[in-house]
N, C-alpha and C. Protein backbone atom coordinates (compact mmCIF):
# COMPACT_ATOMS: atom_id res chain seq x y z
N UNK A 1 7.76 3.37 -26.33
CA UNK A 1 6.45 3.20 -26.04
C UNK A 1 6.35 3.14 -24.75
N UNK A 2 5.67 3.62 -23.65
CA UNK A 2 5.58 3.54 -22.48
C UNK A 2 4.85 2.30 -22.26
N UNK A 3 4.60 1.91 -20.74
CA UNK A 3 4.31 0.55 -20.76
C UNK A 3 2.83 1.05 -20.49
N UNK A 4 2.15 2.23 -20.52
CA UNK A 4 0.83 2.69 -19.57
C UNK A 4 0.49 2.51 -21.14
N UNK A 5 1.07 2.73 -22.57
CA UNK A 5 0.32 2.71 -23.56
C UNK A 5 0.52 1.28 -24.23
N UNK A 6 0.77 0.16 -23.44
CA UNK A 6 1.11 -1.05 -24.12
C UNK A 6 -0.54 -1.87 -23.14
N UNK A 7 -1.39 -2.80 -23.83
CA UNK A 7 -0.64 -3.37 -25.18
C UNK A 7 -1.49 -2.41 -26.26
N UNK A 8 -1.10 -2.16 -27.14
CA UNK A 8 -1.82 -1.41 -28.47
C UNK A 8 -3.05 -1.82 -28.49
N UNK A 9 -3.99 -0.99 -29.30
CA UNK A 9 -5.20 -1.85 -29.71
C UNK A 9 -5.62 -1.44 -30.95
N UNK A 10 -4.17 -1.11 -31.65
CA UNK A 10 -4.44 -0.64 -33.37
C UNK A 10 -3.09 -1.68 -34.31
N UNK A 11 -3.37 -2.57 -34.93
CA UNK A 11 -2.83 -3.00 -36.00
C UNK A 11 -2.00 -1.96 -36.90
N UNK A 12 -1.19 -2.09 -36.83
CA UNK A 12 0.01 -1.22 -38.04
C UNK A 12 0.80 -2.04 -38.75
N UNK A 13 1.44 -1.11 -40.06
CA UNK A 13 2.07 -2.04 -40.97
C UNK A 13 3.35 -2.16 -39.93
N UNK A 14 4.59 -3.22 -40.20
CA UNK A 14 5.53 -3.36 -39.50
C UNK A 14 6.35 -2.41 -39.34
N UNK A 15 6.66 -1.67 -41.04
CA UNK A 15 7.38 -0.76 -40.71
C UNK A 15 7.38 0.39 -40.16
N UNK A 16 6.02 0.53 -39.79
CA UNK A 16 5.57 1.65 -38.54
C UNK A 16 6.13 1.50 -37.40
N UNK A 17 6.52 0.14 -36.67
CA UNK A 17 7.06 0.04 -35.39
C UNK A 17 8.26 0.69 -35.45
N UNK A 18 8.47 1.33 -33.97
CA UNK A 18 9.61 2.25 -33.89
C UNK A 18 10.86 1.16 -32.85
N UNK A 19 10.54 0.28 -32.21
CA UNK A 19 11.42 -0.35 -31.89
C UNK A 19 10.62 -2.08 -31.27
N UNK A 20 11.65 -2.85 -30.86
CA UNK A 20 11.58 -4.36 -30.67
C UNK A 20 9.94 -4.21 -29.99
N UNK A 21 9.70 -3.43 -29.11
CA UNK A 21 8.51 -3.40 -28.42
C UNK A 21 7.60 -3.18 -28.65
N UNK A 22 7.40 -2.34 -29.80
CA UNK A 22 6.19 -1.92 -30.64
C UNK A 22 6.30 -2.81 -31.67
N UNK A 23 7.07 -3.93 -32.21
CA UNK A 23 7.23 -4.72 -32.92
C UNK A 23 6.18 -5.80 -32.25
N UNK A 24 6.49 -6.40 -30.67
CA UNK A 24 5.95 -7.07 -29.88
C UNK A 24 4.46 -7.03 -29.95
N UNK A 25 4.32 -5.71 -29.91
CA UNK A 25 3.17 -5.35 -29.61
C UNK A 25 1.92 -5.69 -30.82
N UNK A 26 2.27 -5.52 -31.93
CA UNK A 26 2.12 -6.24 -33.47
C UNK A 26 1.75 -7.70 -33.12
N UNK A 27 2.54 -8.14 -32.66
CA UNK A 27 3.01 -9.62 -32.82
C UNK A 27 1.25 -10.09 -31.50
N UNK A 28 1.37 -9.45 -30.75
CA UNK A 28 0.43 -9.64 -29.70
C UNK A 28 -0.69 -9.63 -30.31
N UNK A 29 -0.65 -8.73 -31.11
CA UNK A 29 -2.40 -8.46 -31.54
C UNK A 29 -2.65 -9.47 -32.37
N UNK A 30 -1.34 -9.95 -33.55
CA UNK A 30 -2.28 -10.63 -34.24
C UNK A 30 -0.94 -11.91 -34.19
N UNK A 31 -1.37 -12.91 -33.37
CA UNK A 31 -0.04 -13.87 -33.38
C UNK A 31 -0.18 -15.00 -34.73
N UNK A 32 -1.51 -14.97 -34.76
CA UNK A 32 -1.72 -16.37 -35.85
C UNK A 32 -1.14 -15.76 -37.27
N UNK A 33 -0.80 -14.29 -37.61
CA UNK A 33 -0.26 -13.68 -38.66
C UNK A 33 1.27 -14.09 -38.36
N UNK A 34 1.86 -13.85 -37.41
CA UNK A 34 3.08 -13.80 -37.30
C UNK A 34 3.92 -15.10 -36.87
N UNK A 35 3.19 -15.83 -35.91
CA UNK A 35 3.54 -17.31 -35.34
C UNK A 35 2.72 -18.29 -35.98
N UNK A 36 3.61 -19.39 -37.03
CA UNK A 36 3.22 -20.32 -36.78
C UNK A 36 2.86 -21.50 -36.03
N UNK A 37 1.47 -21.46 -35.95
CA UNK A 37 0.64 -22.70 -35.24
C UNK A 37 1.13 -21.77 -33.40
N UNK A 38 1.38 -20.72 -33.35
CA UNK A 38 1.37 -19.92 -32.09
C UNK A 38 2.89 -20.28 -31.52
N UNK A 39 3.89 -20.44 -32.32
CA UNK A 39 5.06 -21.32 -31.70
C UNK A 39 5.72 -20.30 -30.92
N UNK A 40 6.02 -20.51 -29.86
CA UNK A 40 7.10 -18.91 -29.13
C UNK A 40 8.69 -19.47 -29.99
N UNK A 41 8.75 -20.73 -30.35
CA UNK A 41 10.10 -20.63 -31.04
C UNK A 41 10.20 -20.12 -32.20
N UNK A 42 9.08 -19.70 -32.79
CA UNK A 42 8.89 -18.95 -34.07
C UNK A 42 9.36 -17.58 -33.82
N UNK A 43 8.66 -17.19 -32.44
CA UNK A 43 8.92 -15.98 -31.95
C UNK A 43 10.65 -15.65 -31.70
N UNK A 44 10.78 -16.85 -30.82
CA UNK A 44 12.38 -16.53 -31.05
C UNK A 44 13.30 -16.49 -32.12
N UNK A 45 12.86 -16.92 -33.24
CA UNK A 45 13.52 -16.74 -34.47
C UNK A 45 13.17 -15.41 -35.13
N UNK A 46 12.10 -15.17 -34.95
CA UNK A 46 11.83 -13.37 -35.41
C UNK A 46 12.74 -12.51 -34.76
N UNK A 47 12.53 -12.60 -33.32
CA UNK A 47 13.53 -11.91 -32.92
C UNK A 47 14.91 -11.87 -33.13
N UNK A 48 15.70 -13.10 -33.19
CA UNK A 48 17.00 -13.28 -33.73
C UNK A 48 16.93 -12.75 -34.71
N UNK A 49 16.02 -12.77 -35.87
CA UNK A 49 16.13 -12.04 -37.12
C UNK A 49 16.31 -10.21 -37.15
N UNK A 50 15.36 -9.94 -35.75
CA UNK A 50 15.16 -8.29 -35.56
C UNK A 50 16.60 -8.09 -35.06
N UNK A 51 17.29 -9.03 -34.39
CA UNK A 51 18.39 -8.17 -33.84
C UNK A 51 19.90 -8.23 -34.42
N UNK A 52 19.57 -9.37 -35.71
CA UNK A 52 20.64 -9.44 -36.76
C UNK A 52 20.44 -8.46 -37.56
N UNK A 53 19.46 -8.11 -37.82
CA UNK A 53 19.12 -6.94 -38.81
C UNK A 53 19.44 -5.50 -37.88
N UNK A 54 19.36 -5.23 -37.13
CA UNK A 54 19.71 -4.33 -36.17
C UNK A 54 21.57 -4.24 -35.99
N UNK A 55 21.83 -5.45 -36.02
CA UNK A 55 23.50 -5.25 -36.16
C UNK A 55 23.98 -4.87 -37.56
N UNK A 56 23.15 -5.96 -38.61
CA UNK A 56 23.82 -5.59 -40.00
C UNK A 56 23.62 -4.06 -40.49
N UNK A 57 22.70 -3.21 -40.01
CA UNK A 57 22.53 -2.02 -40.17
C UNK A 57 23.23 -1.16 -39.61
N UNK A 58 23.71 -1.53 -38.24
CA UNK A 58 24.60 -0.56 -37.67
C UNK A 58 23.69 0.09 -36.73
N UNK A 59 22.33 -0.01 -36.34
CA UNK A 59 21.48 0.61 -35.65
C UNK A 59 21.77 0.16 -33.97
N UNK A 60 21.96 1.05 -33.52
CA UNK A 60 21.91 1.20 -31.82
C UNK A 60 20.60 0.94 -31.09
N UNK A 61 20.18 0.23 -30.91
CA UNK A 61 18.65 0.05 -30.28
C UNK A 61 19.06 -0.75 -28.88
N UNK A 62 18.26 -0.57 -28.06
CA UNK A 62 18.41 -1.68 -27.18
C UNK A 62 17.60 -2.90 -27.40
N UNK A 63 18.04 -4.15 -26.98
CA UNK A 63 17.74 -5.41 -27.61
C UNK A 63 17.63 -6.50 -25.86
N UNK A 64 16.57 -6.53 -25.32
CA UNK A 64 16.74 -7.21 -24.22
C UNK A 64 16.56 -9.16 -24.18
N UNK A 65 16.40 -9.19 -25.44
CA UNK A 65 16.15 -10.50 -25.80
C UNK A 65 17.04 -11.85 -26.42
N UNK A 66 18.35 -11.56 -26.66
CA UNK A 66 19.39 -11.97 -26.95
C UNK A 66 19.82 -12.73 -25.87
N UNK A 67 20.36 -14.03 -26.22
CA UNK A 67 20.72 -14.79 -25.01
C UNK A 67 21.76 -14.42 -23.93
N UNK A 68 21.36 -14.30 -22.57
CA UNK A 68 22.44 -13.95 -21.60
C UNK A 68 22.06 -12.39 -21.21
N UNK A 69 21.06 -11.72 -22.15
CA UNK A 69 20.66 -10.29 -21.93
C UNK A 69 19.63 -10.24 -20.84
N UNK A 70 19.11 -8.77 -21.01
CA UNK A 70 17.81 -8.66 -19.75
C UNK A 70 16.57 -9.63 -19.45
N UNK A 71 16.15 -9.86 -20.40
CA UNK A 71 15.03 -10.65 -20.22
C UNK A 71 15.07 -12.13 -20.35
N UNK A 72 16.26 -12.43 -20.49
CA UNK A 72 16.75 -13.88 -20.07
C UNK A 72 16.86 -14.04 -18.34
N UNK A 73 17.75 -12.90 -17.91
CA UNK A 73 18.48 -12.98 -17.06
C UNK A 73 17.58 -12.45 -15.70
N UNK A 74 16.37 -11.22 -16.39
CA UNK A 74 15.30 -11.25 -15.19
C UNK A 74 14.52 -12.36 -15.02
N UNK A 75 14.25 -13.60 -16.33
CA UNK A 75 13.26 -14.61 -16.18
C UNK A 75 13.64 -15.53 -15.03
N UNK A 76 15.62 -15.74 -15.25
CA UNK A 76 15.89 -17.01 -13.98
C UNK A 76 15.92 -16.40 -12.76
N UNK A 77 16.02 -14.88 -12.80
CA UNK A 77 16.15 -14.33 -11.00
C UNK A 77 14.63 -14.25 -10.70
N UNK A 78 13.97 -14.13 -11.36
CA UNK A 78 12.15 -13.73 -11.03
C UNK A 78 12.08 -15.17 -10.32
N UNK A 79 12.02 -16.27 -11.45
CA UNK A 79 11.92 -17.59 -11.15
C UNK A 79 12.55 -18.44 -9.99
N UNK A 80 14.20 -17.81 -9.66
CA UNK A 80 15.00 -18.35 -8.80
C UNK A 80 15.52 -19.57 -9.69
N UNK A 81 15.62 -19.72 -11.05
CA UNK A 81 16.15 -20.75 -11.58
C UNK A 81 17.09 -20.31 -12.09
N UNK A 82 18.24 -21.18 -12.37
CA UNK A 82 19.40 -21.46 -13.25
C UNK A 82 19.44 -22.25 -14.56
N UNK A 83 19.76 -22.04 -15.74
CA UNK A 83 19.48 -22.85 -16.57
C UNK A 83 20.30 -22.23 -17.93
N UNK A 84 20.28 -23.09 -18.55
CA UNK A 84 21.24 -22.88 -19.96
C UNK A 84 20.34 -22.95 -21.17
N UNK A 85 19.14 -23.29 -20.94
CA UNK A 85 18.03 -22.79 -21.86
C UNK A 85 17.64 -21.42 -21.98
N UNK A 86 17.55 -21.51 -23.39
CA UNK A 86 16.97 -20.25 -24.15
C UNK A 86 15.62 -19.53 -23.28
N UNK A 87 15.23 -18.48 -23.20
CA UNK A 87 14.01 -17.73 -22.84
C UNK A 87 12.65 -18.39 -23.36
N UNK A 88 12.75 -18.77 -24.68
CA UNK A 88 11.87 -19.57 -25.44
C UNK A 88 11.40 -20.92 -24.83
N UNK A 89 12.53 -21.39 -24.60
CA UNK A 89 12.85 -23.00 -24.14
C UNK A 89 11.91 -23.11 -22.41
N UNK A 90 12.39 -22.17 -22.01
CA UNK A 90 12.48 -22.07 -20.59
C UNK A 90 10.63 -21.63 -20.14
N UNK A 91 10.42 -20.84 -21.09
CA UNK A 91 9.30 -20.27 -21.12
C UNK A 91 8.06 -21.66 -21.42
N UNK A 92 8.48 -22.25 -22.48
CA UNK A 92 7.76 -23.58 -23.42
C UNK A 92 7.39 -24.59 -21.92
N UNK A 93 8.70 -25.09 -21.29
CA UNK A 93 8.94 -25.83 -20.19
C UNK A 93 8.07 -25.73 -18.96
N UNK A 94 7.74 -24.49 -18.62
CA UNK A 94 6.97 -24.11 -17.67
C UNK A 94 5.91 -23.32 -17.47
N UNK A 95 5.22 -23.51 -18.93
CA UNK A 95 3.93 -22.54 -19.38
C UNK A 95 2.96 -23.27 -18.16
N UNK A 96 2.29 -22.93 -17.40
CA UNK A 96 0.97 -23.34 -17.08
C UNK A 96 -0.49 -24.10 -17.68
N UNK A 97 -0.55 -25.04 -17.29
CA UNK A 97 -1.52 -25.97 -18.25
C UNK A 97 -2.68 -24.89 -18.75
N UNK A 98 -3.14 -23.69 -17.97
CA UNK A 98 -4.00 -22.98 -18.32
C UNK A 98 -3.31 -21.96 -19.37
N UNK A 99 -2.77 -21.91 -19.56
CA UNK A 99 -2.09 -20.69 -20.64
C UNK A 99 -1.39 -21.48 -21.99
N UNK A 100 -1.16 -20.80 -22.84
CA UNK A 100 -0.26 -21.21 -23.87
C UNK A 100 1.18 -20.59 -23.54
N UNK A 101 2.37 -21.07 -24.29
CA UNK A 101 3.48 -20.78 -24.45
C UNK A 101 3.57 -19.06 -24.70
N UNK A 102 2.91 -18.86 -25.65
CA UNK A 102 2.96 -17.25 -26.44
C UNK A 102 2.10 -16.33 -25.30
N UNK A 103 1.03 -16.80 -24.67
CA UNK A 103 0.46 -15.67 -23.64
C UNK A 103 1.13 -15.82 -22.52
N UNK A 104 1.96 -16.94 -22.18
CA UNK A 104 2.91 -16.89 -21.13
C UNK A 104 3.95 -15.87 -21.34
N UNK A 105 4.90 -15.84 -22.52
CA UNK A 105 5.59 -15.00 -22.71
C UNK A 105 4.79 -13.25 -22.76
N UNK A 106 3.77 -12.78 -23.56
CA UNK A 106 3.43 -11.74 -23.20
C UNK A 106 2.88 -11.17 -21.76
N UNK A 107 2.76 -12.41 -21.10
CA UNK A 107 2.21 -11.78 -19.62
C UNK A 107 3.87 -11.61 -18.79
N UNK A 108 4.69 -12.60 -18.88
CA UNK A 108 6.14 -12.11 -18.79
C UNK A 108 6.54 -10.64 -19.25
N UNK A 109 6.67 -10.50 -20.46
CA UNK A 109 7.31 -9.46 -21.20
C UNK A 109 6.62 -8.43 -20.02
N UNK A 110 4.84 -8.39 -19.76
CA UNK A 110 4.26 -7.17 -19.11
C UNK A 110 5.31 -7.24 -17.96
N UNK A 111 5.49 -8.20 -17.23
CA UNK A 111 6.10 -7.97 -15.94
C UNK A 111 7.31 -7.76 -16.01
N UNK A 112 7.93 -7.97 -16.90
CA UNK A 112 9.40 -7.57 -17.05
C UNK A 112 9.87 -5.98 -17.35
N UNK A 113 8.74 -5.82 -18.14
CA UNK A 113 8.60 -4.23 -18.53
C UNK A 113 8.19 -3.53 -17.48
N UNK A 114 7.40 -4.02 -16.84
CA UNK A 114 7.09 -3.68 -15.42
C UNK A 114 8.24 -3.22 -14.65
N UNK A 115 8.76 -4.27 -14.39
CA UNK A 115 10.11 -4.21 -13.54
C UNK A 115 11.40 -3.42 -14.08
N UNK A 116 11.66 -3.39 -15.26
CA UNK A 116 12.73 -2.52 -15.83
C UNK A 116 12.28 -1.34 -15.64
N UNK A 117 10.98 -0.81 -16.01
CA UNK A 117 10.86 0.40 -15.69
C UNK A 117 11.08 1.22 -13.99
N UNK A 118 11.01 0.32 -13.35
CA UNK A 118 10.98 0.70 -11.92
C UNK A 118 12.54 0.92 -11.59
N UNK A 119 13.47 0.13 -12.30
CA UNK A 119 14.80 -0.06 -12.26
C UNK A 119 15.61 1.00 -13.06
N UNK A 120 16.57 1.36 -12.53
CA UNK A 120 17.77 2.38 -13.06
C UNK A 120 18.22 1.23 -14.40
N UNK A 121 18.66 2.14 -15.46
CA UNK A 121 19.18 1.20 -16.30
C UNK A 121 20.69 1.29 -16.49
N UNK A 122 21.55 -0.02 -16.46
CA UNK A 122 22.86 0.00 -16.44
C UNK A 122 22.97 -0.45 -17.94
N UNK A 123 24.01 -0.12 -18.55
CA UNK A 123 25.02 -0.61 -19.91
C UNK A 123 25.20 -1.72 -19.72
N UNK A 124 24.70 -2.88 -20.94
CA UNK A 124 24.89 -4.37 -21.07
C UNK A 124 25.95 -4.39 -22.15
N UNK A 125 26.90 -5.43 -21.83
CA UNK A 125 27.77 -5.62 -22.45
C UNK A 125 27.58 -5.96 -24.19
């Protein structure tokens, strides 16, 4: 999915998602369905399960949301911070009063994807 296609305006079944970003767009469309209390920690848990399933089924798909991976690194670099907190805890801790942590995550996700699209990719360990 390209950034220009994001966000999608049509909900679809999770089984029709093609990658983690497609899945995240479905969550963006219906956060109350996916995230109890619109909790960013629930989103983090969903993504942890997604990553574990990739490993269990030996699926080679880029995944930037594991601790120490690109999204967390970008988040700290873009904010000029250093922290041992997960990306979810860091976002919850710093979300402006006029937003919610889930809204802030999706705003940051869009920024991250624009940044990632403008940079050449290098392999992650």
